[in-house]
């Protein structure tokens, strides 16, 4: 079923000129044609959520030595009483 540019333009409250309607109709026809390829897909195929298989995206959760408070604050000017000093929040 062809999609009418006029129907879409009316729903979007667009005032199109005849030249624009003609140009957009050609674009819309090519988009609908591209999506019609989905009709050829077999109903029993597995869905694909990623174009490539994703494996090993998570690192192992292991305990590591953390920074000391002194080391964490070493490169900042904005510190006060052993903590980072941020802007006042009201």
Protein backbone atom coordinates (compact mmCIF):
# COMPACT_ATOMS: atom_id res chain seq x y z
CA UNK A 1 0.00 0.00 0.00
CA UNK A 2 1.65 3.25 -1.06
CA UNK A 3 2.11 5.87 1.62
CA UNK A 4 0.85 9.30 0.65
CA UNK A 5 3.05 12.30 1.29
CA UNK A 6 -0.07 14.42 1.60
CA UNK A 7 -1.38 12.22 4.43
CA UNK A 8 1.93 12.42 6.32
CA UNK A 9 2.23 16.16 5.71
CA UNK A 10 -1.30 16.69 7.01
CA UNK A 11 -0.55 14.66 10.16
CA UNK A 12 2.64 16.68 10.69
CA UNK A 13 0.83 19.93 9.91
CA UNK A 14 3.18 20.79 7.06
CA UNK A 15 2.23 22.94 4.10
CA UNK A 16 4.15 21.51 1.15
CA UNK A 17 4.39 22.94 -2.34
CA UNK A 18 3.55 20.67 -5.29
CA UNK A 19 7.29 20.39 -6.09
CA UNK A 20 8.06 19.35 -2.52
CA UNK A 21 5.26 16.78 -2.55
CA UNK A 22 6.61 15.28 -5.75
CA UNK A 23 10.19 15.14 -4.42
CA UNK A 24 9.19 13.75 -1.01
CA UNK A 25 6.91 11.15 -2.61
CA UNK A 26 9.88 9.79 -4.55
CA UNK A 27 11.94 9.64 -1.31
CA UNK A 28 9.12 8.00 0.64
CA UNK A 29 8.60 5.38 -2.07
CA UNK A 30 12.27 4.40 -1.90
CA UNK A 31 12.12 4.17 1.91
CA UNK A 32 9.01 1.98 1.82
CA UNK A 33 10.64 -0.20 -0.83
CA UNK A 34 13.71 -0.66 1.36
CA UNK A 35 11.54 -1.70 4.31
CA UNK A 36 9.57 -4.09 2.13
CA UNK A 37 12.68 -6.30 2.07
CA UNK A 38 11.75 -7.23 5.64
CA UNK A 39 8.75 -9.12 4.26
CA UNK A 40 11.16 -11.62 2.72
CA UNK A 41 12.63 -12.61 6.11
CA UNK A 42 11.74 -16.10 7.26
CA UNK A 43 9.47 -16.15 10.30
CA UNK A 44 11.55 -18.78 12.12
CA UNK A 45 14.91 -16.97 12.06
CA UNK A 46 16.67 -15.87 15.23
CA UNK A 47 16.48 -12.16 16.07
CA UNK A 48 19.77 -10.28 15.86
CA UNK A 49 20.26 -7.55 18.41
CA UNK A 50 23.93 -6.93 17.57
CA UNK A 51 25.50 -7.00 14.09
CA UNK A 52 28.58 -8.71 15.52
CA UNK A 53 28.75 -11.18 18.39
CA UNK A 54 29.66 -9.50 21.68
CA UNK A 55 31.88 -11.57 23.92
CA UNK A 56 33.87 -10.80 27.03
CA UNK A 57 32.72 -7.24 27.51
CA UNK A 58 32.96 -7.38 31.30
CA UNK A 59 36.21 -7.46 33.20
CA UNK A 60 36.63 -9.77 36.13
CA UNK A 61 35.57 -8.34 39.44
CA UNK A 62 38.71 -8.57 41.51
CA UNK A 63 39.90 -6.69 44.55
CA UNK A 64 42.71 -4.26 43.88
CA UNK A 65 44.66 -1.80 45.96
CA UNK A 66 42.98 1.62 45.97
CA UNK A 67 44.50 5.06 46.20
CA UNK A 68 45.20 6.54 49.58
CA UNK A 69 43.33 9.71 50.48
CA UNK A 70 46.55 11.68 50.15
CA UNK A 71 47.27 10.29 46.66
CA UNK A 72 43.68 10.88 45.51
CA UNK A 73 43.85 14.54 46.51
CA UNK A 74 47.42 15.10 45.29
CA UNK A 75 46.55 16.72 41.94
CA UNK A 76 43.77 19.06 42.99
CA UNK A 77 43.74 22.58 44.37
CA UNK A 78 40.13 22.18 45.48
CA UNK A 79 40.38 20.25 48.73
CA UNK A 80 39.37 20.94 52.29
CA UNK A 81 39.87 18.87 55.46
CA UNK A 82 40.85 15.76 53.48
CA UNK A 83 37.99 15.85 50.92
CA UNK A 84 37.38 17.28 47.45
CA UNK A 85 35.79 20.70 47.69
CA UNK A 86 32.97 21.35 45.26
CA UNK A 87 30.68 24.29 44.55
CA UNK A 88 28.13 25.18 47.20
CA UNK A 89 24.76 23.51 46.63
CA UNK A 90 21.72 25.30 47.95
